[in-house]
N, C-alpha and C. Protein backbone atom coordinates (compact mmCIF):
# COMPACT_ATOMS: atom_id res chain seq x y z
N UNK A 1 89.37 172.40 126.88
CA UNK A 1 89.05 171.98 125.53
C UNK A 1 90.35 171.72 124.78
N UNK A 2 90.38 170.62 124.05
CA UNK A 2 91.58 170.25 123.31
C UNK A 2 91.28 170.41 121.82
N UNK A 3 91.38 171.62 121.32
CA UNK A 3 91.08 171.92 119.92
C UNK A 3 92.39 172.18 119.18
N UNK A 4 92.66 171.38 118.17
CA UNK A 4 93.90 171.53 117.41
C UNK A 4 94.00 172.91 116.76
N UNK A 5 92.87 173.45 116.28
CA UNK A 5 92.93 174.76 115.63
C UNK A 5 93.19 175.87 116.65
N UNK A 6 92.65 175.73 117.86
CA UNK A 6 92.98 176.70 118.91
C UNK A 6 94.47 176.66 119.22
N UNK A 7 95.03 175.46 119.24
CA UNK A 7 96.46 175.33 119.53
C UNK A 7 97.31 175.90 118.39
N UNK A 8 96.85 175.73 117.16
CA UNK A 8 97.55 176.37 116.02
C UNK A 8 97.46 177.87 116.15
N UNK A 9 96.27 178.39 116.47
CA UNK A 9 96.07 179.84 116.59
C UNK A 9 96.94 180.45 117.69
N UNK A 10 97.13 179.72 118.77
CA UNK A 10 97.95 180.26 119.87
C UNK A 10 99.44 180.03 119.66
N UNK A 11 99.78 179.21 118.66
CA UNK A 11 101.18 178.98 118.34
C UNK A 11 101.82 177.79 119.03
N UNK A 12 101.05 177.01 119.80
CA UNK A 12 101.63 175.86 120.49
C UNK A 12 101.75 174.64 119.58
N UNK A 13 101.07 174.66 118.44
CA UNK A 13 101.22 173.64 117.41
C UNK A 13 101.68 174.35 116.14
N UNK A 14 102.74 173.85 115.55
CA UNK A 14 103.30 174.45 114.35
C UNK A 14 102.40 174.23 113.14
N UNK A 15 102.39 175.21 112.25
CA UNK A 15 101.68 175.09 110.99
C UNK A 15 102.46 175.88 109.94
N UNK A 16 102.15 175.62 108.70
CA UNK A 16 102.74 176.41 107.61
C UNK A 16 101.82 177.61 107.39
N UNK A 17 102.07 178.65 108.15
CA UNK A 17 101.21 179.83 108.15
C UNK A 17 101.39 180.64 106.88
N UNK A 18 100.26 181.06 106.32
CA UNK A 18 100.23 181.91 105.13
C UNK A 18 99.96 183.35 105.52
N UNK A 19 99.06 183.53 106.49
CA UNK A 19 98.63 184.86 106.92
C UNK A 19 98.20 184.77 108.37
N UNK A 20 98.47 185.81 109.11
CA UNK A 20 98.07 185.83 110.51
C UNK A 20 97.92 187.28 110.95
N UNK A 21 96.89 187.54 111.72
CA UNK A 21 96.75 188.83 112.38
C UNK A 21 96.15 188.59 113.76
N UNK A 22 95.72 189.62 114.42
CA UNK A 22 95.23 189.45 115.79
C UNK A 22 93.89 188.73 115.89
N UNK A 23 93.18 188.52 114.75
CA UNK A 23 91.86 187.91 114.79
C UNK A 23 91.73 186.59 114.04
N UNK A 24 92.59 186.37 113.03
CA UNK A 24 92.49 185.16 112.22
C UNK A 24 93.87 184.60 111.91
N UNK A 25 93.88 183.33 111.48
CA UNK A 25 95.09 182.66 111.03
C UNK A 25 94.74 181.85 109.79
N UNK A 26 95.65 181.85 108.82
CA UNK A 26 95.49 181.05 107.61
C UNK A 26 96.73 180.17 107.48
N UNK A 27 96.51 178.89 107.25
CA UNK A 27 97.63 177.95 107.16
C UNK A 27 97.30 176.84 106.17
N UNK A 28 98.35 176.18 105.68
CA UNK A 28 98.19 175.10 104.71
C UNK A 28 97.53 173.88 105.36
N UNK A 29 96.60 173.27 104.61
CA UNK A 29 95.94 172.04 105.04
C UNK A 29 96.93 170.88 104.97
N UNK A 30 96.90 170.00 105.96
CA UNK A 30 97.80 168.85 105.98
C UNK A 30 97.42 167.77 104.98
N UNK A 31 96.16 167.79 104.53
CA UNK A 31 95.68 166.82 103.55
C UNK A 31 95.06 167.58 102.38
N UNK A 32 95.89 168.23 101.58
CA UNK A 32 95.35 169.11 100.53
C UNK A 32 94.52 168.36 99.48
N UNK A 33 93.44 168.99 99.08
CA UNK A 33 92.54 168.45 98.07
C UNK A 33 92.68 169.19 96.74
N UNK A 34 93.64 170.08 96.66
CA UNK A 34 93.92 170.86 95.46
C UNK A 34 95.37 171.31 95.56
N UNK A 35 95.96 171.76 94.45
CA UNK A 35 97.33 172.24 94.51
C UNK A 35 97.55 173.34 95.56
N UNK A 36 96.55 174.18 95.73
CA UNK A 36 96.56 175.17 96.81
C UNK A 36 95.37 174.85 97.70
N UNK A 37 95.63 174.61 98.98
CA UNK A 37 94.55 174.31 99.92
C UNK A 37 94.97 174.82 101.30
N UNK A 38 94.34 175.90 101.71
CA UNK A 38 94.62 176.48 103.02
C UNK A 38 93.34 176.55 103.83
N UNK A 39 93.50 176.67 105.13
CA UNK A 39 92.39 176.84 106.05
C UNK A 39 92.47 178.23 106.65
N UNK A 40 91.34 178.87 106.79
CA UNK A 40 91.26 180.19 107.40
C UNK A 40 90.39 180.04 108.65
N UNK A 41 90.94 180.39 109.80
CA UNK A 41 90.23 180.19 111.06
C UNK A 41 90.23 181.48 111.87
N UNK A 42 89.17 181.69 112.65
CA UNK A 42 89.24 182.76 113.65
C UNK A 42 90.06 182.27 114.84
N UNK A 43 90.75 183.17 115.49
CA UNK A 43 91.47 182.78 116.71
C UNK A 43 90.49 182.40 117.82
N UNK A 44 89.33 183.01 117.82
CA UNK A 44 88.29 182.70 118.80
C UNK A 44 87.70 181.33 118.48
N UNK A 45 87.54 180.50 119.49
CA UNK A 45 86.92 179.19 119.26
C UNK A 45 85.41 179.35 119.09
N UNK A 46 84.95 178.94 117.92
CA UNK A 46 83.53 178.83 117.61
C UNK A 46 83.38 177.46 116.97
N UNK A 47 82.52 176.64 117.49
CA UNK A 47 82.44 175.24 117.06
C UNK A 47 82.08 175.09 115.59
N UNK A 48 81.03 175.77 115.15
CA UNK A 48 80.61 175.73 113.74
C UNK A 48 79.74 176.94 113.47
N UNK A 49 79.33 177.10 112.22
CA UNK A 49 78.58 178.30 111.82
C UNK A 49 77.29 178.48 112.61
N UNK A 50 76.68 177.39 113.04
CA UNK A 50 75.43 177.51 113.78
C UNK A 50 75.62 178.10 115.17
N UNK A 51 76.86 178.17 115.62
CA UNK A 51 77.15 178.77 116.92
C UNK A 51 77.52 180.26 116.83
N UNK A 52 77.51 180.81 115.62
CA UNK A 52 77.79 182.24 115.48
C UNK A 52 76.68 183.07 116.12
N UNK A 53 77.07 184.18 116.69
CA UNK A 53 76.10 185.12 117.25
C UNK A 53 76.32 186.49 116.61
N UNK A 54 75.44 187.41 116.91
CA UNK A 54 75.56 188.76 116.37
C UNK A 54 76.90 189.39 116.75
N UNK A 55 77.42 189.05 117.92
CA UNK A 55 78.70 189.62 118.36
C UNK A 55 79.87 189.12 117.51
N UNK A 56 79.67 188.05 116.75
CA UNK A 56 80.73 187.51 115.89
C UNK A 56 80.71 188.10 114.48
N UNK A 57 79.76 188.97 114.19
CA UNK A 57 79.65 189.49 112.82
C UNK A 57 80.89 190.28 112.40
N UNK A 58 81.47 191.05 113.28
CA UNK A 58 82.69 191.78 112.95
C UNK A 58 83.85 190.85 112.67
N UNK A 59 83.98 189.81 113.46
CA UNK A 59 85.04 188.82 113.28
C UNK A 59 84.89 188.11 111.94
N UNK A 60 83.68 187.67 111.63
CA UNK A 60 83.46 186.95 110.37
C UNK A 60 83.63 187.89 109.17
N UNK A 61 83.21 189.14 109.32
CA UNK A 61 83.44 190.13 108.27
C UNK A 61 84.92 190.33 108.04
N UNK A 62 85.68 190.39 109.11
CA UNK A 62 87.13 190.54 109.03
C UNK A 62 87.75 189.35 108.30
N UNK A 63 87.30 188.14 108.65
CA UNK A 63 87.82 186.94 108.00
C UNK A 63 87.55 186.98 106.50
N UNK A 64 86.33 187.27 106.12
CA UNK A 64 85.96 187.32 104.70
C UNK A 64 86.73 188.43 103.99
N UNK A 65 86.89 189.57 104.64
CA UNK A 65 87.60 190.70 104.02
C UNK A 65 89.09 190.40 103.83
N UNK A 66 89.65 189.44 104.56
CA UNK A 66 91.06 189.07 104.40
C UNK A 66 91.29 188.14 103.22
N UNK A 67 90.23 187.56 102.68
CA UNK A 67 90.38 186.58 101.60
C UNK A 67 91.10 187.16 100.37
N UNK A 68 90.79 188.36 99.89
CA UNK A 68 91.55 188.87 98.74
C UNK A 68 93.05 188.97 99.01
N UNK A 69 93.43 189.39 100.20
CA UNK A 69 94.85 189.46 100.53
C UNK A 69 95.48 188.06 100.55
N UNK A 70 94.78 187.10 101.14
CA UNK A 70 95.28 185.73 101.19
C UNK A 70 95.40 185.16 99.77
N UNK A 71 94.37 185.39 98.94
CA UNK A 71 94.42 184.92 97.56
C UNK A 71 95.60 185.53 96.82
N UNK A 72 95.91 186.78 97.10
CA UNK A 72 97.06 187.42 96.48
C UNK A 72 98.37 186.78 96.92
N UNK A 73 98.50 186.50 98.20
CA UNK A 73 99.70 185.84 98.73
C UNK A 73 99.90 184.49 98.05
N UNK A 74 98.80 183.80 97.78
CA UNK A 74 98.86 182.45 97.20
C UNK A 74 98.92 182.46 95.68
N UNK A 75 98.88 183.64 95.06
CA UNK A 75 98.94 183.73 93.60
C UNK A 75 97.66 183.33 92.90
N UNK A 76 96.52 183.50 93.58
CA UNK A 76 95.24 183.06 93.02
C UNK A 76 94.33 184.20 92.57
N UNK A 77 94.74 185.44 92.72
CA UNK A 77 93.84 186.55 92.40
C UNK A 77 93.38 186.54 90.95
N UNK A 78 94.25 186.20 90.03
CA UNK A 78 93.88 186.20 88.61
C UNK A 78 93.36 184.86 88.13
N UNK A 79 93.47 183.83 88.94
CA UNK A 79 93.10 182.48 88.53
C UNK A 79 91.77 182.02 89.10
N UNK A 80 91.40 182.53 90.25
CA UNK A 80 90.17 182.11 90.92
C UNK A 80 90.43 181.05 91.97
N UNK A 81 89.42 180.83 92.78
CA UNK A 81 89.54 179.89 93.89
C UNK A 81 88.14 179.57 94.39
N UNK A 82 88.07 178.60 95.26
CA UNK A 82 86.81 178.21 95.89
C UNK A 82 86.95 178.33 97.39
N UNK A 83 85.89 178.81 98.05
CA UNK A 83 85.80 178.88 99.50
C UNK A 83 84.74 177.87 99.94
N UNK A 84 85.08 177.02 100.92
CA UNK A 84 84.16 175.99 101.40
C UNK A 84 84.11 176.02 102.92
N UNK A 85 82.91 175.85 103.46
CA UNK A 85 82.74 175.63 104.90
C UNK A 85 81.87 174.41 105.08
N UNK A 86 82.32 173.47 105.88
CA UNK A 86 81.54 172.29 106.22
C UNK A 86 80.99 172.50 107.62
N UNK A 87 79.67 172.51 107.74
CA UNK A 87 79.02 172.78 109.02
C UNK A 87 78.39 171.51 109.56
N UNK A 88 79.03 170.96 110.56
CA UNK A 88 78.62 169.76 111.28
C UNK A 88 79.05 168.48 110.54
N UNK A 89 78.94 167.39 111.24
CA UNK A 89 79.53 166.13 110.78
C UNK A 89 78.97 165.64 109.45
N UNK A 90 77.66 165.69 109.25
CA UNK A 90 77.08 165.18 108.00
C UNK A 90 77.55 165.98 106.79
N UNK A 91 77.98 167.20 106.99
CA UNK A 91 78.49 168.03 105.89
C UNK A 91 79.99 167.83 105.70
N UNK A 92 80.62 167.05 106.55
CA UNK A 92 82.03 166.77 106.40
C UNK A 92 82.95 167.50 107.36
N UNK A 93 82.38 168.22 108.34
CA UNK A 93 83.24 168.91 109.31
C UNK A 93 83.91 167.87 110.19
N UNK A 94 85.24 167.91 110.25
CA UNK A 94 85.97 166.95 111.07
C UNK A 94 86.72 167.61 112.23
N UNK A 95 87.00 168.90 112.11
CA UNK A 95 87.58 169.66 113.22
C UNK A 95 86.51 170.66 113.64
N UNK A 96 86.10 170.59 114.89
CA UNK A 96 84.97 171.40 115.34
C UNK A 96 85.43 172.74 115.91
N UNK A 97 85.96 173.52 114.99
CA UNK A 97 86.35 174.92 115.18
C UNK A 97 86.05 175.52 113.82
N UNK A 98 85.17 176.51 113.76
CA UNK A 98 84.74 177.03 112.46
C UNK A 98 85.97 177.37 111.62
N UNK A 99 85.92 176.96 110.35
CA UNK A 99 87.03 177.22 109.44
C UNK A 99 86.52 177.20 108.00
N UNK A 100 87.28 177.86 107.17
CA UNK A 100 86.97 177.93 105.75
C UNK A 100 88.16 177.37 104.98
N UNK A 101 87.85 176.54 104.01
CA UNK A 101 88.86 176.02 103.10
C UNK A 101 88.94 176.97 101.91
N UNK A 102 90.13 177.38 101.54
CA UNK A 102 90.35 178.13 100.31
C UNK A 102 91.16 177.19 99.41
N UNK A 103 90.55 176.83 98.28
CA UNK A 103 91.17 175.88 97.36
C UNK A 103 91.37 176.53 96.01
N UNK A 104 92.49 176.22 95.38
CA UNK A 104 92.76 176.76 94.05
C UNK A 104 93.86 175.98 93.36
N UNK A 105 94.21 176.48 92.18
CA UNK A 105 95.29 175.86 91.42
C UNK A 105 94.84 174.78 90.47
N UNK A 106 93.53 174.55 90.37
CA UNK A 106 92.97 173.59 89.41
C UNK A 106 91.53 173.98 89.13
N UNK A 107 90.95 173.39 88.10
CA UNK A 107 89.54 173.63 87.78
C UNK A 107 88.66 172.83 88.74
N UNK A 108 87.54 173.41 89.10
CA UNK A 108 86.58 172.75 89.98
C UNK A 108 85.28 172.52 89.22
N UNK A 109 84.54 171.52 89.64
CA UNK A 109 83.26 171.20 89.01
C UNK A 109 82.12 171.57 89.95
N UNK A 110 80.93 171.64 89.38
CA UNK A 110 79.74 171.90 90.17
C UNK A 110 78.64 170.95 89.72
N UNK A 111 77.89 170.33 90.59
CA UNK A 111 77.95 170.47 92.05
C UNK A 111 79.12 169.69 92.63
N UNK A 112 79.61 170.14 93.80
CA UNK A 112 80.79 169.53 94.38
C UNK A 112 80.53 168.19 95.06
N UNK A 113 79.31 167.96 95.58
CA UNK A 113 79.07 166.79 96.42
C UNK A 113 78.65 165.60 95.66
């Protein structure tokens, strides 16, 4: 499998890493849609949210629990931020490795689409 996010997670492709541990990696998006735009990925390859299983609940909990620390690193704890996941092509997923966008540094509107 030739997954760019797997290669970033293993370190064979360089990224501007914000946070990394044994289960997840957070790095700056190459095409930012906000002043702050990072991606948070599990090191384990999971194509999209519909492929999650019960065995992935600890991993996904770990990813979500890391968000406050990542927001602090990025200076967003007092300002707020948005978390986005695009699941499958019609929703805008372009890299098929589950990931979450953390966006901040500007005001956002609702609905987003």
